[in-house]
Amino acid sequence: MYTIEMAYARMRELQDDANRSRAHQSAERRAEAKAARARAKKR
């Protein structure tokens, strides 16, 4: 039997995964932007 509690737990897992993915992407973007600024300064 699939209960509301099971559905809620699954929803939380999916939300946590999405948040982890989003945090990882923003960290990557920050690092990329920092590298781009460093390259621009060298010119």
Protein backbone atom coordinates (compact mmCIF):
# COMPACT_ATOMS: atom_id res chain seq x y z
CA MET A 1 0.00 0.00 0.00
CA TYR A 2 1.27 3.47 -0.94
CA THR A 3 0.56 6.01 1.79
CA ILE A 4 0.55 9.78 1.97
CA GLU A 5 3.62 9.57 4.22
CA MET A 6 5.50 7.56 1.58
CA ALA A 7 4.52 10.05 -1.12
CA TYR A 8 5.64 12.95 1.09
CA ALA A 9 8.98 11.26 1.85
CA ARG A 10 9.56 10.72 -1.88
CA MET A 11 8.68 14.34 -2.63
CA ARG A 12 11.22 15.50 -0.02
CA GLU A 13 13.91 13.27 -1.58
CA LEU A 14 13.26 14.73 -5.01
CA GLN A 15 13.32 18.27 -3.60
CA ASP A 16 16.62 17.63 -1.83
CA ASP A 17 18.14 16.25 -5.03
CA ALA A 18 16.94 19.29 -6.98
CA ASN A 19 18.38 21.66 -4.38
CA ARG A 20 21.70 19.82 -4.40
CA SER A 21 21.84 20.02 -8.18
CA ARG A 22 20.98 23.74 -8.15
CA ALA A 23 23.67 24.49 -5.54
CA HIS A 24 26.26 22.58 -7.55
CA GLN A 25 25.36 24.45 -10.74
CA SER A 26 25.59 27.86 -9.08
CA ALA A 27 28.99 27.00 -7.61
CA GLU A 28 30.16 25.97 -11.07
CA ARG A 29 28.88 29.22 -12.57
CA ARG A 30 30.64 31.29 -9.89
CA ALA A 31 33.92 29.49 -10.57
CA GLU A 32 33.46 29.97 -14.31
CA ALA A 33 32.72 33.69 -13.93
CA LYS A 34 35.74 34.13 -11.66
CA ALA A 35 37.99 32.44 -14.24
CA ALA A 36 36.54 34.63 -17.01
CA ARG A 37 37.27 37.77 -14.98
CA ALA A 38 40.82 36.58 -14.36
CA ARG A 39 41.32 35.97 -18.08
CA ALA A 40 39.93 39.42 -18.90
CA LYS A 41 42.34 41.10 -16.44
CA LYS A 42 45.36 39.40 -18.00
CA ARG A 43 44.75 41.01 -21.40
